[in-house]
Amino acid sequence: MRIAVFNQKGGVGKTTTALNLAAALVRDGKAPLLIDLDPQAHLTAIMGKPPTDAANSLFALYQDNRPLAEIIIPCENVGHIAPAHAELIKVDSIFGKGPAILNRLNIALQTLEATNSNLISIIDCCPFLGVLSLNAIFASQRILVPISSDYLSLRGALQIEHTMKALEPVLKRRIERRYLLTRFDRRRKMGFEIQNRLREQFGGELCETVISENVAVAEAPAMSRDIFSHDPTSRGAADYQALMNELRGIGFL
């Protein structure tokens, strides 16, 4: 199973969601693979695994077609990570947008899955539609779209839906997706208005679970931890556990 965590708007909780969903899966007895496809490498930095040499990062997948098995690193509490590097920013300009590059991650994951058919890969995408994000979309069976509780994010969600529909003729399939409301503040009327608008737009594709605005969720990355390692009794931990349970329950995960 491969899930891309994607939104063309930054600051909506993509990296946090990828990290904590993987941690929830580990608590459920799984061994997920986190794939950091963002040149900013925030997920890699949180995990304390930033490679100094781009040859030991996902850049080598594009530069040298290096197998994922040679790149991935074990990470306590979240499974494994295929680390990012700042050199990934060059992928668009160096390698173009031909089919071989757009399917590079898909083919690499097929090779990895040949020896682990039950692998769950969670791909943290960069916040713009370029070669790296297209790699994630082409490789994935599911897309999880975090949306923070504000009107700009609502507009971004509508743009995501437009983008996905435009790609369907190329993909020759519809990728199943779920929209996840993040940074949800129950004290603000706006959050509920956004939720209602999303429900009207996406119906059953909007997750029932919401990720509340929570201090522990914000603190954990600064301490190089997932929410369960940082504060397992927090509202944030309960929310991400509920998200994993919901996605497992509907066969999305």
C-alpha atoms as a PDB file:
ATOM      1  CA  MET A   1       0.000   0.000   0.000  1.00  0.00           C
ATOM      2  CA  ARG A   2       1.287   3.447  -0.935  1.00  0.00           C
ATOM      3  CA  ILE A   3      -0.190   6.679   0.354  1.00  0.00           C
ATOM      4  CA  ALA A   4       0.918  10.151  -0.730  1.00  0.00           C
ATOM      5  CA  VAL A   5       0.349  12.971   1.757  1.00  0.00           C
ATOM      6  CA  PHE A   6      -0.080  15.911  -0.554  1.00  0.00           C
ATOM      7  CA  ASN A   7      -1.355  19.466  -0.712  1.00  0.00           C
ATOM      8  CA  GLN A   8      -0.191  22.275  -2.976  1.00  0.00           C
ATOM      9  CA  LYS A   9      -0.442  24.652  -0.021  1.00  0.00           C
ATOM     10  CA  GLY A  10       2.280  24.679   2.631  1.00  0.00           C
ATOM     11  CA  GLY A  11       1.774  24.769   6.383  1.00  0.00           C
ATOM     12  CA  VAL A  12      -1.220  22.423   6.482  1.00  0.00           C
ATOM     13  CA  GLY A  13       0.396  19.568   8.400  1.00  0.00           C
ATOM     14  CA  LYS A  14       1.640  17.231   5.653  1.00  0.00           C
ATOM     15  CA  THR A  15       4.893  16.280   7.361  1.00  0.00           C
ATOM     16  CA  THR A  16       3.307  16.062  10.806  1.00  0.00           C
ATOM     17  CA  THR A  17       0.566  13.826   9.445  1.00  0.00           C
ATOM     18  CA  ALA A  18       2.979  11.535   7.573  1.00  0.00           C
ATOM     19  CA  LEU A  19       5.159  11.193  10.676  1.00  0.00           C
ATOM     20  CA  ASN A  20       2.380  10.522  13.161  1.00  0.00           C
ATOM     21  CA  LEU A  21       0.448   8.197  10.887  1.00  0.00           C
ATOM     22  CA  ALA A  22       3.596   6.089  10.518  1.00  0.00           C
ATOM     23  CA  ALA A  23       4.075   6.117  14.289  1.00  0.00           C
ATOM     24  CA  ALA A  24       0.471   4.980  14.796  1.00  0.00           C
ATOM     25  CA  LEU A  25       1.077   2.108  12.362  1.00  0.00           C
ATOM     26  CA  VAL A  26       4.179   1.026  14.292  1.00  0.00           C
ATOM     27  CA  ARG A  27       2.085   0.936  17.472  1.00  0.00           C
ATOM     28  CA  ASP A  28      -0.297  -1.295  15.533  1.00  0.00           C
ATOM     29  CA  GLY A  29       2.491  -3.751  14.752  1.00  0.00           C
ATOM     30  CA  LYS A  30       3.362  -2.566  11.228  1.00  0.00           C
ATOM     31  CA  ALA A  31       6.726  -1.468   9.821  1.00  0.00           C
ATOM     32  CA  PRO A  32       5.965   1.435   7.447  1.00  0.00           C
ATOM     33  CA  LEU A  33       8.367   3.230   5.138  1.00  0.00           C
ATOM     34  CA  LEU A  34       8.397   7.018   5.215  1.00  0.00           C
ATOM     35  CA  ILE A  35       9.523   8.601   1.948  1.00  0.00           C
ATOM     36  CA  ASP A  36      10.613  12.227   2.217  1.00  0.00           C
ATOM     37  CA  LEU A  37      10.113  13.749  -1.241  1.00  0.00           C
ATOM     38  CA  ASP A  38      10.400  17.350  -0.070  1.00  0.00           C
ATOM     39  CA  PRO A  39      13.742  19.094  -0.785  1.00  0.00           C
ATOM     40  CA  GLN A  40      13.260  21.014   2.468  1.00  0.00           C
ATOM     41  CA  ALA A  41      13.810  17.633   4.163  1.00  0.00           C
ATOM     42  CA  HIS A  42      11.817  18.522   7.275  1.00  0.00           C
ATOM     43  CA  LEU A  43      10.731  14.941   7.887  1.00  0.00           C
ATOM     44  CA  THR A  44      14.300  13.711   7.517  1.00  0.00           C
ATOM     45  CA  ALA A  45      15.535  16.376   9.948  1.00  0.00           C
ATOM     46  CA  ILE A  46      12.865  15.528  12.523  1.00  0.00           C
ATOM     47  CA  MET A  47      14.018  11.921  12.443  1.00  0.00           C
ATOM     48  CA  GLY A  48      17.624  13.037  12.932  1.00  0.00           C
ATOM     49  CA  LYS A  49      18.714  11.254   9.758  1.00  0.00           C
ATOM     50  CA  PRO A  50      19.885  13.986   7.340  1.00  0.00           C
ATOM     51  CA  PRO A  51      22.551  12.526   5.025  1.00  0.00           C
ATOM     52  CA  THR A  52      25.476  14.833   4.374  1.00  0.00           C
ATOM     53  CA  ASP A  53      25.986  13.278   0.947  1.00  0.00           C
ATOM     54  CA  ALA A  54      23.173  13.466  -1.615  1.00  0.00           C
ATOM     55  CA  ALA A  55      24.309  10.031  -2.854  1.00  0.00           C
ATOM     56  CA  ASN A  56      22.828   8.562   0.327  1.00  0.00           C
ATOM     57  CA  SER A  57      19.455  10.238  -0.170  1.00  0.00           C
ATOM     58  CA  LEU A  58      16.511   9.994  -2.535  1.00  0.00           C
ATOM     59  CA  PHE A  59      18.424  12.227  -4.931  1.00  0.00           C
ATOM     60  CA  ALA A  60      20.484   9.145  -5.793  1.00  0.00           C
ATOM     61  CA  LEU A  61      17.298   7.425  -6.960  1.00  0.00           C
ATOM     62  CA  TYR A  62      16.999  10.068  -9.678  1.00  0.00           C
ATOM     63  CA  GLN A  63      20.671  10.754 -10.325  1.00  0.00           C
ATOM     64  CA  ASP A  64      21.933   7.148 -10.375  1.00  0.00           C
ATOM     65  CA  ASN A  65      18.763   5.029 -10.208  1.00  0.00           C
ATOM     66  CA  ARG A  66      20.045   3.722  -6.895  1.00  0.00           C
ATOM     67  CA  PRO A  67      17.709   1.101  -5.313  1.00  0.00           C
ATOM     68  CA  LEU A  68      15.587   2.234  -2.381  1.00  0.00           C
ATOM     69  CA  ALA A  69      16.880  -0.705  -0.351  1.00  0.00           C
ATOM     70  CA  GLU A  70      20.317   0.965  -0.351  1.00  0.00           C
ATOM     71  CA  ILE A  71      18.928   4.315   0.802  1.00  0.00           C
ATOM     72  CA  ILE A  72      16.388   3.583   3.526  1.00  0.00           C
ATOM     73  CA  ILE A  73      17.378   3.952   7.174  1.00  0.00           C
ATOM     74  CA  PRO A  74      15.685   2.420  10.240  1.00  0.00           C
ATOM     75  CA  CYS A  75      13.986   4.951  12.526  1.00  0.00           C
ATOM     76  CA  GLU A  76      12.899   4.219  16.061  1.00  0.00           C
ATOM     77  CA  ASN A  77       9.115   4.335  16.553  1.00  0.00           C
ATOM     78  CA  VAL A  78       8.231   5.122  12.918  1.00  0.00           C
ATOM     79  CA  GLY A  79       9.665   2.217  10.881  1.00  0.00           C
ATOM     80  CA  HIS A  80      12.103   3.315   8.171  1.00  0.00           C
ATOM     81  CA  ILE A  81      12.769   6.469   6.185  1.00  0.00           C
ATOM     82  CA  ALA A  82      14.062   7.165   2.701  1.00  0.00           C
ATOM     83  CA  PRO A  83      15.736  10.501   3.473  1.00  0.00           C
ATOM     84  CA  ALA A  84      15.565  13.702   1.460  1.00  0.00           C
ATOM     85  CA  HIS A  85      18.395  16.073   0.587  1.00  0.00           C
ATOM     86  CA  ALA A  86      18.428  19.680  -0.597  1.00  0.00           C
ATOM     87  CA  GLU A  87      19.740  18.461  -3.971  1.00  0.00           C
ATOM     88  CA  LEU A  88      16.240  17.170  -4.733  1.00  0.00           C
ATOM     89  CA  ILE A  89      15.333  20.737  -5.689  1.00  0.00           C
ATOM     90  CA  LYS A  90      17.333  20.146  -8.908  1.00  0.00           C
ATOM     91  CA  VAL A  91      15.282  17.173 -10.096  1.00  0.00           C
ATOM     92  CA  ASP A  92      12.845  19.235 -12.175  1.00  0.00           C
ATOM     93  CA  SER A  93      15.547  21.166 -14.009  1.00  0.00           C
ATOM     94  CA  ILE A  94      18.038  18.312 -14.508  1.00  0.00           C
ATOM     95  CA  PHE A  95      15.850  15.365 -15.458  1.00  0.00           C
ATOM     96  CA  GLY A  96      12.793  16.889 -17.129  1.00  0.00           C
ATOM     97  CA  LYS A  97       9.330  15.357 -17.050  1.00  0.00           C
ATOM     98  CA  GLY A  98       9.623  12.282 -19.252  1.00  0.00           C
ATOM     99  CA  PRO A  99       7.836   9.028 -18.375  1.00  0.00           C
ATOM    100  CA  ALA A 100      11.037   7.395 -17.130  1.00  0.00           C
ATOM    101  CA  ILE A 101      11.515  10.072 -14.468  1.00  0.00           C
ATOM    102  CA  LEU A 102       7.838  10.408 -13.558  1.00  0.00           C
ATOM    103  CA  ASN A 103       7.668   6.666 -12.896  1.00  0.00           C
ATOM    104  CA  ARG A 104      11.043   6.377 -11.159  1.00  0.00           C
ATOM    105  CA  LEU A 105       9.593   6.100  -7.646  1.00  0.00           C
ATOM    106  CA  ASN A 106       6.845   3.734  -8.776  1.00  0.00           C
ATOM    107  CA  ILE A 107       9.360   1.319 -10.297  1.00  0.00           C
ATOM    108  CA  ALA A 108      11.677   1.577  -7.280  1.00  0.00           C
ATOM    109  CA  LEU A 109       8.806   0.724  -4.937  1.00  0.00           C
ATOM    110  CA  GLN A 110       7.784  -2.221  -7.100  1.00  0.00           C
ATOM    111  CA  THR A 111      11.301  -3.604  -6.697  1.00  0.00           C
ATOM    112  CA  LEU A 112      11.223  -3.075  -2.940  1.00  0.00           C
ATOM    113  CA  GLU A 113       7.774  -4.633  -2.614  1.00  0.00           C
ATOM    114  CA  ALA A 114       8.906  -7.751  -4.459  1.00  0.00           C
ATOM    115  CA  THR A 115      10.524  -8.828  -1.187  1.00  0.00           C
ATOM    116  CA  ASN A 116       7.909  -7.243   1.117  1.00  0.00           C
ATOM    117  CA  SER A 117       4.434  -7.367  -0.366  1.00  0.00           C
ATOM    118  CA  ASN A 118       2.847  -6.005   2.826  1.00  0.00           C
ATOM    119  CA  LEU A 119       4.919  -2.826   2.889  1.00  0.00           C
ATOM    120  CA  ILE A 120       3.029   0.372   3.688  1.00  0.00           C
ATOM    121  CA  SER A 121       4.759   3.420   2.189  1.00  0.00           C
ATOM    122  CA  ILE A 122       3.810   6.943   3.271  1.00  0.00           C
ATOM    123  CA  ILE A 123       5.131   9.660   0.977  1.00  0.00           C
ATOM    124  CA  ASP A 124       5.601  13.186   2.311  1.00  0.00           C
ATOM    125  CA  CYS A 125       5.282  15.414  -0.763  1.00  0.00           C
ATOM    126  CA  CYS A 126       6.626  18.883  -1.434  1.00  0.00           C
ATOM    127  CA  PRO A 127       3.994  21.660  -1.551  1.00  0.00           C
ATOM    128  CA  PHE A 128       3.991  22.272  -5.296  1.00  0.00           C
ATOM    129  CA  LEU A 129       3.142  20.212  -8.356  1.00  0.00           C
ATOM    130  CA  GLY A 130       6.449  19.311  -9.960  1.00  0.00           C
ATOM    131  CA  VAL A 131       8.353  16.152 -10.869  1.00  0.00           C
ATOM    132  CA  LEU A 132       8.671  15.003  -7.264  1.00  0.00           C
ATOM    133  CA  SER A 133       4.989  15.375  -6.426  1.00  0.00           C
ATOM    134  CA  LEU A 134       4.039  13.762  -9.717  1.00  0.00           C
ATOM    135  CA  ASN A 135       6.325  10.851  -8.824  1.00  0.00           C
ATOM    136  CA  ALA A 136       4.372  10.423  -5.606  1.00  0.00           C
ATOM    137  CA  ILE A 137       1.000  10.653  -7.350  1.00  0.00           C
ATOM    138  CA  PHE A 138       2.013   8.230 -10.121  1.00  0.00           C
ATOM    139  CA  ALA A 139       3.296   5.759  -7.520  1.00  0.00           C
ATOM    140  CA  SER A 140       0.407   5.941  -5.058  1.00  0.00           C
ATOM    141  CA  GLN A 141      -2.851   4.067  -4.688  1.00  0.00           C
ATOM    142  CA  ARG A 142      -4.193   6.577  -2.169  1.00  0.00           C
ATOM    143  CA  ILE A 143      -3.797  10.296  -1.500  1.00  0.00           C
ATOM    144  CA  LEU A 144      -4.352  11.900   1.895  1.00  0.00           C
ATOM    145  CA  VAL A 145      -4.877  15.660   1.705  1.00  0.00           C
ATOM    146  CA  PRO A 146      -4.377  17.577   4.984  1.00  0.00           C
ATOM    147  CA  ILE A 147      -6.287  20.873   5.083  1.00  0.00           C
ATOM    148  CA  SER A 148      -5.822  23.375   7.881  1.00  0.00           C
ATOM    149  CA  SER A 149      -8.927  25.108   9.209  1.00  0.00           C
ATOM    150  CA  ASP A 150      -8.796  28.326   7.195  1.00  0.00           C
ATOM    151  CA  TYR A 151     -10.337  29.597   3.974  1.00  0.00           C
ATOM    152  CA  LEU A 152      -7.103  29.653   1.981  1.00  0.00           C
ATOM    153  CA  SER A 153      -6.680  25.947   2.697  1.00  0.00           C
ATOM    154  CA  LEU A 154     -10.245  25.353   1.575  1.00  0.00           C
ATOM    155  CA  ARG A 155      -9.392  26.958  -1.762  1.00  0.00           C
ATOM    156  CA  GLY A 156      -6.266  24.824  -1.901  1.00  0.00           C
ATOM    157  CA  ALA A 157      -8.345  21.672  -1.409  1.00  0.00           C
ATOM    158  CA  LEU A 158     -10.527  22.601  -4.360  1.00  0.00           C
ATOM    159  CA  GLN A 159      -7.379  23.113  -6.429  1.00  0.00           C
ATOM    160  CA  ILE A 160      -6.142  19.650  -5.425  1.00  0.00           C
ATOM    161  CA  GLU A 161      -9.384  18.102  -6.649  1.00  0.00           C
ATOM    162  CA  HIS A 162      -9.053  19.983  -9.936  1.00  0.00           C
ATOM    163  CA  THR A 163      -5.453  18.788 -10.293  1.00  0.00           C
ATOM    164  CA  MET A 164      -6.334  15.167  -9.599  1.00  0.00           C
ATOM    165  CA  LYS A 165      -9.171  15.174 -12.113  1.00  0.00           C
ATOM    166  CA  ALA A 166      -6.864  16.680 -14.726  1.00  0.00           C
ATOM    167  CA  LEU A 167      -4.345  13.870 -14.140  1.00  0.00           C
ATOM    168  CA  GLU A 168      -6.857  11.031 -14.375  1.00  0.00           C
ATOM    169  CA  PRO A 169      -6.669  10.705 -18.190  1.00  0.00           C
ATOM    170  CA  VAL A 170      -2.881  10.367 -17.900  1.00  0.00           C
ATOM    171  CA  LEU A 171      -3.039   7.935 -14.988  1.00  0.00           C
ATOM    172  CA  LYS A 172      -5.937   6.033 -16.588  1.00  0.00           C
ATOM    173  CA  ARG A 173      -7.434   5.601 -13.130  1.00  0.00           C
ATOM    174  CA  ARG A 174      -8.933   7.555 -10.279  1.00  0.00           C
ATOM    175  CA  ILE A 175      -6.750   7.607  -7.193  1.00  0.00           C
ATOM    176  CA  GLU A 176      -8.793   7.182  -4.041  1.00  0.00           C
ATOM    177  CA  ARG A 177      -8.394  10.142  -1.714  1.00  0.00           C
ATOM    178  CA  ARG A 178      -9.365  11.399   1.692  1.00  0.00           C
ATOM    179  CA  TYR A 179      -9.366  14.973   2.949  1.00  0.00           C
ATOM    180  CA  LEU A 180      -8.211  15.541   6.522  1.00  0.00           C
ATOM    181  CA  LEU A 181      -9.004  18.658   8.520  1.00  0.00           C
ATOM    182  CA  THR A 182      -6.006  19.744  10.634  1.00  0.00           C
ATOM    183  CA  ARG A 183      -5.272  22.504  13.155  1.00  0.00           C
ATOM    184  CA  PHE A 184      -8.946  22.359  14.100  1.00  0.00           C
ATOM    185  CA  ASP A 185      -9.927  24.767  16.910  1.00  0.00           C
ATOM    186  CA  ARG A 186     -13.318  23.919  18.413  1.00  0.00           C
ATOM    187  CA  ARG A 187     -13.489  27.391  19.964  1.00  0.00           C
ATOM    188  CA  ARG A 188     -13.670  29.047  16.539  1.00  0.00           C
ATOM    189  CA  LYS A 189     -16.801  29.095  14.437  1.00  0.00           C
ATOM    190  CA  MET A 190     -14.712  29.261  11.276  1.00  0.00           C
ATOM    191  CA  GLY A 191     -13.390  25.732  11.779  1.00  0.00           C
ATOM    192  CA  PHE A 192     -16.894  24.283  11.729  1.00  0.00           C
ATOM    193  CA  GLU A 193     -17.786  26.385   8.698  1.00  0.00           C
ATOM    194  CA  ILE A 194     -14.774  25.032   6.828  1.00  0.00           C
ATOM    195  CA  GLN A 195     -15.708  21.508   7.890  1.00  0.00           C
ATOM    196  CA  ASN A 196     -19.254  21.930   6.576  1.00  0.00           C
ATOM    197  CA  ARG A 197     -18.005  23.358   3.276  1.00  0.00           C
ATOM    198  CA  LEU A 198     -15.617  20.446   2.860  1.00  0.00           C
ATOM    199  CA  ARG A 199     -18.356  17.951   3.648  1.00  0.00           C
ATOM    200  CA  GLU A 200     -20.587  19.547   1.013  1.00  0.00           C
ATOM    201  CA  GLN A 201     -17.778  19.425  -1.523  1.00  0.00           C
ATOM    202  CA  PHE A 202     -16.243  16.018  -0.827  1.00  0.00           C
ATOM    203  CA  GLY A 203     -18.939  14.074   1.030  1.00  0.00           C
ATOM    204  CA  GLY A 204     -17.639  10.740   2.273  1.00  0.00           C
ATOM    205  CA  GLU A 205     -14.101  11.534   1.156  1.00  0.00           C
ATOM    206  CA  LEU A 206     -13.767  13.929   4.111  1.00  0.00           C
ATOM    207  CA  CYS A 207     -12.344  12.116   7.128  1.00  0.00           C
ATOM    208  CA  GLU A 208     -14.583  11.992  10.166  1.00  0.00           C
ATOM    209  CA  THR A 209     -11.469  12.395  12.305  1.00  0.00           C
ATOM    210  CA  VAL A 210     -10.110  15.918  12.711  1.00  0.00           C
ATOM    211  CA  ILE A 211      -6.674  16.828  14.033  1.00  0.00           C
ATOM    212  CA  SER A 212      -7.141  19.396  16.763  1.00  0.00           C
ATOM    213  CA  GLU A 213      -4.921  22.406  17.319  1.00  0.00           C
ATOM    214  CA  ASN A 214      -2.656  20.979  19.998  1.00  0.00           C
ATOM    215  CA  VAL A 215       0.508  22.177  21.705  1.00  0.00           C
ATOM    216  CA  ALA A 216       1.978  18.678  21.912  1.00  0.00           C
ATOM    217  CA  VAL A 217       1.605  18.156  18.148  1.00  0.00           C
ATOM    218  CA  ALA A 218       3.495  21.404  17.540  1.00  0.00           C
ATOM    219  CA  GLU A 219       6.196  20.605  20.117  1.00  0.00           C
ATOM    220  CA  ALA A 220       7.003  17.037  19.086  1.00  0.00           C
ATOM    221  CA  PRO A 221       8.904  17.758  15.820  1.00  0.00           C
ATOM    222  CA  ALA A 222      11.170  20.253  17.601  1.00  0.00           C
ATOM    223  CA  MET A 223      12.187  17.405  19.898  1.00  0.00           C
ATOM    224  CA  SER A 224      12.696  14.959  17.019  1.00  0.00           C
ATOM    225  CA  ARG A 225       9.743  12.880  18.129  1.00  0.00           C
ATOM    226  CA  ASP A 226       6.408  11.705  16.891  1.00  0.00           C
ATOM    227  CA  ILE A 227       3.374  12.620  18.982  1.00  0.00           C
ATOM    228  CA  PHE A 228       3.161   9.203  20.670  1.00  0.00           C
ATOM    229  CA  SER A 229       6.780   9.326  21.831  1.00  0.00           C
ATOM    230  CA  HIS A 230       6.443  12.940  22.944  1.00  0.00           C
ATOM    231  CA  ASP A 231       3.094  12.892  24.748  1.00  0.00           C
ATOM    232  CA  PRO A 232       1.027   9.707  24.366  1.00  0.00           C
ATOM    233  CA  THR A 233      -1.772  11.086  26.577  1.00  0.00           C
ATOM    234  CA  SER A 234      -2.262  14.265  24.530  1.00  0.00           C
ATOM    235  CA  ARG A 235      -5.258  15.161  22.412  1.00  0.00           C
ATOM    236  CA  GLY A 236      -2.964  15.078  19.406  1.00  0.00           C
ATOM    237  CA  ALA A 237      -1.997  11.454  20.079  1.00  0.00           C
ATOM    238  CA  ALA A 238      -5.658  10.514  20.446  1.00  0.00           C
ATOM    239  CA  ASP A 239      -6.480  12.267  17.158  1.00  0.00           C
ATOM    240  CA  TYR A 240      -3.763  10.535  15.158  1.00  0.00           C
ATOM    241  CA  GLN A 241      -4.674   7.182  16.682  1.00  0.00           C
ATOM    242  CA  ALA A 242      -8.280   7.835  15.666  1.00  0.00           C
ATOM    243  CA  LEU A 243      -7.148   8.747  12.149  1.00  0.00           C
ATOM    244  CA  MET A 244      -5.217   5.501  11.762  1.00  0.00           C
ATOM    245  CA  ASN A 245      -8.194   3.535  13.075  1.00  0.00           C
ATOM    246  CA  GLU A 246     -10.563   5.296  10.663  1.00  0.00           C
ATOM    247  CA  LEU A 247      -8.336   4.770   7.627  1.00  0.00           C
ATOM    248  CA  ARG A 248      -7.776   1.110   8.524  1.00  0.00           C
ATOM    249  CA  GLY A 249     -11.501   0.641   9.083  1.00  0.00           C
ATOM    250  CA  ILE A 250     -12.441   1.833   5.593  1.00  0.00           C
ATOM    251  CA  GLY A 251      -9.645  -0.059   3.861  1.00  0.00           C
ATOM    252  CA  PHE A 252      -7.757   3.104   2.946  1.00  0.00           C
ATOM    253  CA  LEU A 253      -4.675   2.002   4.867  1.00  0.00           C
END
